[in-house]
Each structure stands twice: as C-alpha cells, then as structure tokens.
Amino acid sequence: MLTSSVVEAFGEVWLFTIERKDWQSKGGTHASIIGPLPLQPATSYTAEYLRSVFTPGMKAPLHIHSGPEAFYAVSGDTCLETPDGMRLGRGPGNTLLIPGGPPMSLMAIGKEPRRGFALILHDAAKPPTTLIHDWQPRGLCEGQLTQ
C-alpha cells in the first residue's frame, strides 16, 4: 500500500506521508505532523493532495469533503468557516484539520499570499469534494481579512 507522495512545489521537494505518529523519514527536514485524521470506516481510501496559492481575500468555492481535510501553510494566513464557527491558522507552518462532512468556506487573510497544501483522505467510492449551494457562511472570515 502506497502511503507517501513526493511533490515539487514552492521551490522545494516535499514528502507527504500517511503513517503512524512515531514514523520518521530517513532524511530531509521535518515540517509538521497533522493528525490524527478522523476517518469513517471504508473499504479503501484515496488521498488527494492539493497545492494552492490564495491572495488575501481570495476564497475557495463553498464545498464539503467526503473525508477529513488537513491544511499546511507554507506562508500566509488562513481562515476557515463552518457552521460550527471560525478557525484561524496564522503564519508559516500553520495547520488546520477538519473532519469530513461539514460545509466550509476557506479564505486567505492577512497581508501576504497564502501558499499551502491540503490533503483530503476519503472513501475511494465517494468524490473527495462536492460544491454546495445550500449553506451560506456568516462572513466571520471577512472580519479577519486585515488583522
């Protein structure tokens, strides 16, 4: 079973690994541990990795995920709003983790572009992301835009 992916992005080479917490690579510089990931039972899983660059104020379309999503920011600040409220990630190396299911609005905040990665680990029989139109955020992230 494949548990790692190597990606070249943002001028560096990155190793993304889904492993137990005490696992260590034999080389490189450790960046972050994000997890544990709250998984729902499935016959098999698929990992979808995303690289993104958001300028301050830029938002992702409203969506849901069929499995947990883990974020890692190389630079910039993140605001994530769900029906349960708002979560912030500030500065290089900030991380966020959200279980699959709730609708979300993701926005870059602060003064510099948010460059980062996301992992969606989902049931292979389901789509990782579904765009939605039946939920509207309360605008909590807009109040964080310049802070």
N, C-alpha and C. Protein backbone atom coordinates (compact mmCIF):
# COMPACT_ATOMS: atom_id res chain seq x y z
N MET A 1 0.83 -1.17 0.00
CA MET A 1 0.00 0.00 0.00
C MET A 1 0.89 1.24 0.00
N LEU A 2 0.64 2.15 -0.91
CA LEU A 2 1.37 3.40 -1.01
C LEU A 2 0.91 4.36 0.07
N THR A 3 1.84 4.87 0.89
CA THR A 3 1.47 5.79 1.96
C THR A 3 2.19 7.13 1.85
N SER A 4 3.01 7.31 0.81
CA SER A 4 3.76 8.56 0.66
C SER A 4 3.69 9.07 -0.77
N SER A 5 3.83 10.39 -0.88
CA SER A 5 3.91 11.05 -2.18
C SER A 5 4.99 12.10 -2.11
N VAL A 6 5.77 12.22 -3.19
CA VAL A 6 6.80 13.25 -3.28
C VAL A 6 6.31 14.29 -4.27
N VAL A 7 6.40 15.56 -3.86
CA VAL A 7 5.88 16.66 -4.65
C VAL A 7 6.92 17.76 -4.72
N GLU A 8 7.09 18.35 -5.90
CA GLU A 8 7.94 19.53 -6.03
C GLU A 8 7.01 20.74 -6.14
N ALA A 9 7.13 21.66 -5.18
CA ALA A 9 6.27 22.85 -5.17
C ALA A 9 6.92 23.94 -4.32
N PHE A 10 6.63 25.18 -4.66
CA PHE A 10 7.13 26.33 -3.91
C PHE A 10 8.65 26.31 -3.79
N GLY A 11 9.33 25.81 -4.84
CA GLY A 11 10.78 25.81 -4.88
C GLY A 11 11.45 24.76 -4.02
N GLU A 12 10.69 23.78 -3.53
CA GLU A 12 11.26 22.73 -2.68
C GLU A 12 10.64 21.38 -3.05
N VAL A 13 11.25 20.33 -2.52
CA VAL A 13 10.71 18.98 -2.67
C VAL A 13 10.10 18.59 -1.33
N TRP A 14 8.85 18.08 -1.37
CA TRP A 14 8.09 17.76 -0.17
C TRP A 14 7.74 16.27 -0.17
N LEU A 15 7.80 15.65 0.99
CA LEU A 15 7.36 14.27 1.17
C LEU A 15 6.12 14.30 2.05
N PHE A 16 4.99 13.86 1.50
CA PHE A 16 3.75 13.75 2.26
C PHE A 16 3.55 12.28 2.60
N THR A 17 3.36 11.99 3.87
CA THR A 17 3.26 10.61 4.32
C THR A 17 2.07 10.43 5.24
N ILE A 18 1.31 9.39 5.02
CA ILE A 18 0.23 9.00 5.91
C ILE A 18 0.75 7.78 6.67
N GLU A 19 1.10 8.00 7.89
CA GLU A 19 1.74 6.97 8.72
C GLU A 19 1.34 7.14 10.17
N ARG A 20 1.82 6.24 11.00
CA ARG A 20 1.60 6.38 12.43
C ARG A 20 2.44 7.55 12.95
N LYS A 21 2.06 8.09 14.08
CA LYS A 21 2.65 9.32 14.60
C LYS A 21 4.16 9.24 14.82
N ASP A 22 4.66 8.09 15.23
CA ASP A 22 6.09 7.98 15.55
C ASP A 22 6.98 7.67 14.34
N TRP A 23 6.41 7.60 13.14
CA TRP A 23 7.19 7.33 11.93
C TRP A 23 8.09 8.52 11.61
N GLN A 24 9.31 8.25 11.15
CA GLN A 24 10.24 9.31 10.75
C GLN A 24 10.89 8.93 9.43
N SER A 25 11.08 9.91 8.55
CA SER A 25 11.80 9.65 7.30
C SER A 25 13.28 9.56 7.61
N LYS A 26 14.02 8.97 6.70
CA LYS A 26 15.46 8.79 6.91
C LYS A 26 16.28 10.02 6.51
N GLY A 27 15.63 11.00 5.92
CA GLY A 27 16.33 12.21 5.51
C GLY A 27 15.39 13.38 5.42
N GLY A 28 15.93 14.53 5.07
CA GLY A 28 15.11 15.72 4.92
C GLY A 28 14.88 16.45 6.23
N THR A 29 14.13 17.52 6.15
CA THR A 29 13.79 18.33 7.31
C THR A 29 12.31 18.15 7.61
N HIS A 30 12.01 17.77 8.83
CA HIS A 30 10.62 17.54 9.23
C HIS A 30 9.88 18.88 9.27
N ALA A 31 8.71 18.97 8.63
CA ALA A 31 7.94 20.21 8.60
C ALA A 31 6.80 20.20 9.60
N SER A 32 6.01 19.11 9.66
CA SER A 32 4.83 19.13 10.52
C SER A 32 4.20 17.76 10.63
N ILE A 33 3.51 17.54 11.74
CA ILE A 33 2.61 16.40 11.90
C ILE A 33 1.21 17.00 11.99
N ILE A 34 0.30 16.49 11.17
CA ILE A 34 -1.09 16.93 11.21
C ILE A 34 -1.93 15.68 11.42
N GLY A 35 -2.65 15.65 12.49
CA GLY A 35 -3.48 14.48 12.74
C GLY A 35 -3.53 14.18 14.22
N PRO A 36 -4.15 13.07 14.56
CA PRO A 36 -4.64 12.00 13.70
C PRO A 36 -5.87 12.44 12.89
N LEU A 37 -6.02 11.81 11.74
CA LEU A 37 -7.13 12.12 10.84
C LEU A 37 -8.37 11.34 11.28
N PRO A 38 -9.50 12.01 11.49
CA PRO A 38 -10.73 11.34 11.91
C PRO A 38 -11.41 10.65 10.72
N LEU A 39 -11.17 9.36 10.56
CA LEU A 39 -11.68 8.61 9.41
C LEU A 39 -12.98 7.88 9.73
N GLN A 40 -13.85 7.83 8.74
CA GLN A 40 -15.03 6.98 8.79
C GLN A 40 -14.64 5.64 8.15
N PRO A 41 -15.21 4.52 8.60
CA PRO A 41 -14.86 3.23 8.00
C PRO A 41 -15.15 3.20 6.50
N ALA A 42 -14.23 2.61 5.75
CA ALA A 42 -14.38 2.45 4.30
C ALA A 42 -13.60 1.23 3.86
N THR A 43 -13.97 0.67 2.73
CA THR A 43 -13.25 -0.48 2.17
C THR A 43 -11.85 -0.07 1.74
N SER A 44 -11.74 1.12 1.12
CA SER A 44 -10.43 1.65 0.73
C SER A 44 -10.50 3.17 0.73
N TYR A 45 -9.33 3.77 0.81
CA TYR A 45 -9.23 5.23 0.86
C TYR A 45 -8.39 5.75 -0.29
N THR A 46 -8.64 6.99 -0.66
CA THR A 46 -7.82 7.69 -1.64
C THR A 46 -7.34 8.98 -1.01
N ALA A 47 -6.07 9.31 -1.24
CA ALA A 47 -5.50 10.57 -0.77
C ALA A 47 -5.42 11.52 -1.95
N GLU A 48 -6.02 12.69 -1.78
CA GLU A 48 -5.93 13.73 -2.80
C GLU A 48 -5.15 14.90 -2.20
N TYR A 49 -4.01 15.22 -2.83
CA TYR A 49 -3.19 16.34 -2.37
C TYR A 49 -3.42 17.53 -3.30
N LEU A 50 -3.53 18.71 -2.69
CA LEU A 50 -3.75 19.93 -3.45
C LEU A 50 -2.69 20.96 -3.08
N ARG A 51 -2.23 21.70 -4.05
CA ARG A 51 -1.32 22.82 -3.86
C ARG A 51 -2.11 24.06 -4.24
N SER A 52 -2.03 25.11 -3.42
CA SER A 52 -2.81 26.31 -3.74
C SER A 52 -2.06 27.58 -3.37
N VAL A 53 -2.40 28.64 -4.09
CA VAL A 53 -1.94 29.98 -3.79
C VAL A 53 -3.17 30.87 -3.78
N PHE A 54 -3.44 31.49 -2.63
CA PHE A 54 -4.57 32.40 -2.47
C PHE A 54 -4.02 33.77 -2.11
N THR A 55 -4.44 34.80 -2.83
CA THR A 55 -4.09 36.16 -2.42
C THR A 55 -5.06 36.57 -1.30
N PRO A 56 -4.66 37.52 -0.43
CA PRO A 56 -5.56 37.91 0.66
C PRO A 56 -6.95 38.32 0.15
N GLY A 57 -7.96 37.75 0.78
CA GLY A 57 -9.34 37.99 0.39
C GLY A 57 -9.91 36.94 -0.56
N MET A 58 -9.03 36.15 -1.17
CA MET A 58 -9.49 35.11 -2.10
C MET A 58 -10.13 33.96 -1.32
N LYS A 59 -11.25 33.44 -1.85
CA LYS A 59 -11.98 32.35 -1.21
C LYS A 59 -12.08 31.15 -2.14
N ALA A 60 -12.12 29.98 -1.54
CA ALA A 60 -12.46 28.76 -2.28
C ALA A 60 -13.98 28.72 -2.42
N PRO A 61 -14.50 28.08 -3.46
CA PRO A 61 -15.96 27.92 -3.56
C PRO A 61 -16.49 27.14 -2.35
N LEU A 62 -17.73 27.38 -1.98
CA LEU A 62 -18.34 26.64 -0.88
C LEU A 62 -18.41 25.17 -1.24
N HIS A 63 -18.00 24.31 -0.28
CA HIS A 63 -17.90 22.89 -0.60
C HIS A 63 -17.93 22.04 0.67
N ILE A 64 -18.05 20.72 0.45
CA ILE A 64 -17.91 19.72 1.50
C ILE A 64 -16.91 18.68 1.02
N HIS A 65 -16.36 17.93 1.97
CA HIS A 65 -15.46 16.82 1.64
C HIS A 65 -16.01 15.53 2.22
N SER A 66 -15.77 14.43 1.54
CA SER A 66 -16.24 13.13 2.00
C SER A 66 -15.30 12.48 3.00
N GLY A 67 -14.22 13.15 3.34
CA GLY A 67 -13.28 12.67 4.35
C GLY A 67 -12.58 13.86 4.96
N PRO A 68 -11.70 13.64 5.94
CA PRO A 68 -11.03 14.76 6.59
C PRO A 68 -10.10 15.51 5.64
N GLU A 69 -9.95 16.80 5.93
CA GLU A 69 -9.02 17.64 5.17
C GLU A 69 -8.01 18.22 6.14
N ALA A 70 -6.73 18.11 5.78
CA ALA A 70 -5.65 18.66 6.58
C ALA A 70 -4.94 19.72 5.74
N PHE A 71 -4.71 20.89 6.34
CA PHE A 71 -4.06 22.02 5.67
C PHE A 71 -2.69 22.26 6.28
N TYR A 72 -1.74 22.68 5.44
CA TYR A 72 -0.43 23.14 5.89
C TYR A 72 -0.09 24.38 5.07
N ALA A 73 0.18 25.50 5.73
CA ALA A 73 0.51 26.74 5.03
C ALA A 73 2.02 26.95 5.02
N VAL A 74 2.57 27.11 3.84
CA VAL A 74 3.98 27.44 3.68
C VAL A 74 4.18 28.92 4.03
N SER A 75 3.18 29.74 3.67
CA SER A 75 3.20 31.16 4.02
C SER A 75 1.76 31.65 4.08
N GLY A 76 1.57 32.78 4.73
CA GLY A 76 0.26 33.40 4.77
C GLY A 76 -0.64 32.87 5.87
N ASP A 77 -1.82 33.45 5.95
CA ASP A 77 -2.78 33.15 7.00
C ASP A 77 -4.07 32.61 6.39
N THR A 78 -4.74 31.75 7.16
CA THR A 78 -5.93 31.04 6.70
C THR A 78 -7.09 31.27 7.65
N CYS A 79 -8.27 31.42 7.10
CA CYS A 79 -9.50 31.44 7.89
C CYS A 79 -10.45 30.41 7.29
N LEU A 80 -10.97 29.55 8.13
CA LEU A 80 -11.90 28.50 7.71
C LEU A 80 -13.18 28.67 8.50
N GLU A 81 -14.30 28.85 7.80
CA GLU A 81 -15.60 28.95 8.46
C GLU A 81 -16.45 27.74 8.12
N THR A 82 -17.06 27.16 9.16
CA THR A 82 -18.04 26.08 9.02
C THR A 82 -19.27 26.49 9.83
N PRO A 83 -20.34 25.69 9.80
CA PRO A 83 -21.49 26.02 10.63
C PRO A 83 -21.15 26.09 12.13
N ASP A 84 -20.07 25.44 12.55
CA ASP A 84 -19.66 25.46 13.96
C ASP A 84 -18.86 26.70 14.34
N GLY A 85 -18.49 27.53 13.36
CA GLY A 85 -17.74 28.74 13.68
C GLY A 85 -16.53 28.92 12.79
N MET A 86 -15.54 29.62 13.34
CA MET A 86 -14.36 30.01 12.56
C MET A 86 -13.10 29.44 13.21
N ARG A 87 -12.16 29.04 12.35
CA ARG A 87 -10.84 28.58 12.81
C ARG A 87 -9.80 29.35 12.02
N LEU A 88 -8.74 29.77 12.72
CA LEU A 88 -7.67 30.55 12.10
C LEU A 88 -6.37 29.79 12.12
N GLY A 89 -5.58 29.97 11.07
CA GLY A 89 -4.21 29.49 11.00
C GLY A 89 -3.34 30.67 10.61
N ARG A 90 -2.39 31.02 11.45
CA ARG A 90 -1.57 32.22 11.20
C ARG A 90 -0.11 31.86 11.06
N GLY A 91 0.52 32.47 10.05
CA GLY A 91 1.96 32.37 9.87
C GLY A 91 2.41 31.10 9.17
N PRO A 92 3.68 31.11 8.74
CA PRO A 92 4.24 29.93 8.08
C PRO A 92 4.16 28.70 8.99
N GLY A 93 3.79 27.58 8.39
CA GLY A 93 3.72 26.33 9.14
C GLY A 93 2.41 26.12 9.87
N ASN A 94 1.44 27.05 9.73
CA ASN A 94 0.18 26.83 10.43
C ASN A 94 -0.57 25.67 9.80
N THR A 95 -1.30 24.95 10.63
CA THR A 95 -2.05 23.78 10.18
C THR A 95 -3.49 23.86 10.67
N LEU A 96 -4.38 23.25 9.92
CA LEU A 96 -5.77 23.10 10.31
C LEU A 96 -6.20 21.69 9.91
N LEU A 97 -7.10 21.13 10.66
CA LEU A 97 -7.65 19.81 10.37
C LEU A 97 -9.15 19.87 10.61
N ILE A 98 -9.90 19.40 9.63
CA ILE A 98 -11.36 19.39 9.75
C ILE A 98 -11.88 18.03 9.30
N PRO A 99 -12.82 17.45 10.05
CA PRO A 99 -13.38 16.17 9.63
C PRO A 99 -14.21 16.32 8.36
N GLY A 100 -14.44 15.23 7.68
CA GLY A 100 -15.29 15.25 6.50
C GLY A 100 -16.72 15.56 6.88
N GLY A 101 -17.45 16.17 5.96
CA GLY A 101 -18.87 16.37 6.16
C GLY A 101 -19.37 17.78 6.21
N PRO A 102 -18.87 18.64 7.13
CA PRO A 102 -19.49 19.95 7.22
C PRO A 102 -19.16 20.85 6.04
N PRO A 103 -20.09 21.73 5.67
CA PRO A 103 -19.78 22.71 4.63
C PRO A 103 -18.72 23.67 5.12
N MET A 104 -17.94 24.20 4.19
CA MET A 104 -16.85 25.09 4.59
C MET A 104 -16.62 26.19 3.58
N SER A 105 -16.07 27.28 4.14
CA SER A 105 -15.61 28.41 3.35
C SER A 105 -14.17 28.68 3.78
N LEU A 106 -13.23 28.64 2.84
CA LEU A 106 -11.82 28.86 3.12
C LEU A 106 -11.41 30.18 2.49
N MET A 107 -10.72 31.03 3.28
CA MET A 107 -10.31 32.34 2.80
C MET A 107 -8.88 32.63 3.25
N ALA A 108 -8.10 33.24 2.36
CA ALA A 108 -6.78 33.75 2.75
C ALA A 108 -6.98 35.11 3.40
N ILE A 109 -6.33 35.29 4.54
CA ILE A 109 -6.42 36.56 5.25
C ILE A 109 -5.00 37.08 5.47
N GLY A 110 -4.88 38.24 6.07
CA GLY A 110 -3.56 38.80 6.33
C GLY A 110 -3.09 39.68 5.19
N LYS A 111 -1.79 39.84 5.11
CA LYS A 111 -1.22 40.78 4.13
C LYS A 111 -0.42 40.12 3.02
N GLU A 112 -0.12 38.84 3.14
CA GLU A 112 0.67 38.17 2.11
C GLU A 112 -0.08 36.97 1.55
N PRO A 113 0.27 36.52 0.35
CA PRO A 113 -0.41 35.36 -0.23
C PRO A 113 -0.28 34.13 0.67
N ARG A 114 -1.33 33.35 0.70
CA ARG A 114 -1.31 32.07 1.41
C ARG A 114 -0.92 31.00 0.40
N ARG A 115 0.24 30.42 0.62
CA ARG A 115 0.71 29.31 -0.22
C ARG A 115 0.66 28.07 0.65
N GLY A 116 0.05 27.02 0.16
CA GLY A 116 -0.06 25.86 1.02
C GLY A 116 -0.51 24.61 0.32
N PHE A 117 -0.66 23.58 1.15
CA PHE A 117 -1.07 22.26 0.71
C PHE A 117 -2.30 21.83 1.49
N ALA A 118 -3.05 20.93 0.90
CA ALA A 118 -4.15 20.28 1.60
C ALA A 118 -4.16 18.80 1.22
N LEU A 119 -4.60 17.99 2.14
CA LEU A 119 -4.81 16.56 1.92
C LEU A 119 -6.27 16.29 2.22
N ILE A 120 -6.95 15.62 1.31
CA ILE A 120 -8.29 15.10 1.57
C ILE A 120 -8.15 13.59 1.51
N LEU A 121 -8.35 12.93 2.64
CA LEU A 121 -8.27 11.47 2.71
C LEU A 121 -9.70 10.96 2.78
N HIS A 122 -10.15 10.30 1.73
CA HIS A 122 -11.58 10.00 1.62
C HIS A 122 -11.83 8.57 1.17
N ASP A 123 -13.06 8.14 1.40
CA ASP A 123 -13.56 6.86 0.93
C ASP A 123 -13.39 6.84 -0.59
N ALA A 124 -12.69 5.87 -1.11
CA ALA A 124 -12.39 5.81 -2.55
C ALA A 124 -13.66 5.69 -3.40
N ALA A 125 -14.76 5.25 -2.80
CA ALA A 125 -16.01 5.11 -3.55
C ALA A 125 -16.80 6.43 -3.63
N LYS A 126 -16.29 7.48 -2.98
CA LYS A 126 -17.00 8.76 -2.98
C LYS A 126 -16.12 9.85 -3.57
N PRO A 127 -16.73 10.91 -4.10
CA PRO A 127 -15.91 12.02 -4.60
C PRO A 127 -15.27 12.75 -3.42
N PRO A 128 -14.04 13.26 -3.58
CA PRO A 128 -13.39 13.95 -2.46
C PRO A 128 -14.07 15.27 -2.11
N THR A 129 -14.53 16.00 -3.13
CA THR A 129 -15.09 17.33 -2.94
C THR A 129 -16.39 17.47 -3.70
N THR A 130 -17.36 18.11 -3.07
CA THR A 130 -18.63 18.42 -3.72
C THR A 130 -18.94 19.89 -3.48
N LEU A 131 -19.15 20.64 -4.56
CA LEU A 131 -19.54 22.04 -4.42
C LEU A 131 -20.97 22.09 -3.92
N ILE A 132 -21.26 23.09 -3.08
CA ILE A 132 -22.60 23.20 -2.49
C ILE A 132 -23.16 24.60 -2.71
N HIS A 133 -24.49 24.69 -2.59
CA HIS A 133 -25.17 25.98 -2.74
C HIS A 133 -26.25 26.16 -1.67
N ASP A 134 -26.37 25.19 -0.74
CA ASP A 134 -27.45 25.23 0.24
C ASP A 134 -27.01 25.70 1.62
N TRP A 135 -25.81 26.27 1.74
CA TRP A 135 -25.32 26.84 3.00
C TRP A 135 -24.62 28.15 2.70
N GLN A 136 -24.83 29.13 3.55
CA GLN A 136 -24.15 30.41 3.41
C GLN A 136 -23.38 30.71 4.69
N PRO A 137 -22.08 30.99 4.59
CA PRO A 137 -21.32 31.36 5.78
C PRO A 137 -21.82 32.69 6.34
N ARG A 138 -21.54 32.92 7.61
CA ARG A 138 -21.97 34.15 8.27
C ARG A 138 -21.02 35.32 8.00
N GLY A 139 -19.92 35.08 7.28
CA GLY A 139 -18.98 36.15 6.97
C GLY A 139 -17.95 36.38 8.07
N LEU A 140 -17.72 35.37 8.91
CA LEU A 140 -16.79 35.51 10.02
C LEU A 140 -15.36 35.78 9.54
N CYS A 141 -14.97 35.21 8.41
CA CYS A 141 -13.60 35.39 7.92
C CYS A 141 -13.36 36.79 7.36
N GLU A 142 -14.39 37.41 6.82
CA GLU A 142 -14.21 38.76 6.28
C GLU A 142 -13.73 39.72 7.37
N GLY A 143 -14.16 39.54 8.60
CA GLY A 143 -13.74 40.37 9.70
C GLY A 143 -12.28 40.17 10.09
N GLN A 144 -11.67 39.09 9.61
CA GLN A 144 -10.26 38.78 9.90
C GLN A 144 -9.32 39.18 8.78
N LEU A 145 -9.87 39.69 7.69
CA LEU A 145 -9.09 39.91 6.48
C LEU A 145 -7.83 40.73 6.68
N THR A 146 -7.88 41.81 7.42
CA THR A 146 -6.70 42.67 7.54
C THR A 146 -6.04 42.59 8.92
N GLN A 147 -6.47 41.67 9.74
CA GLN A 147 -5.88 41.56 11.08
C GLN A 147 -4.61 40.74 11.06
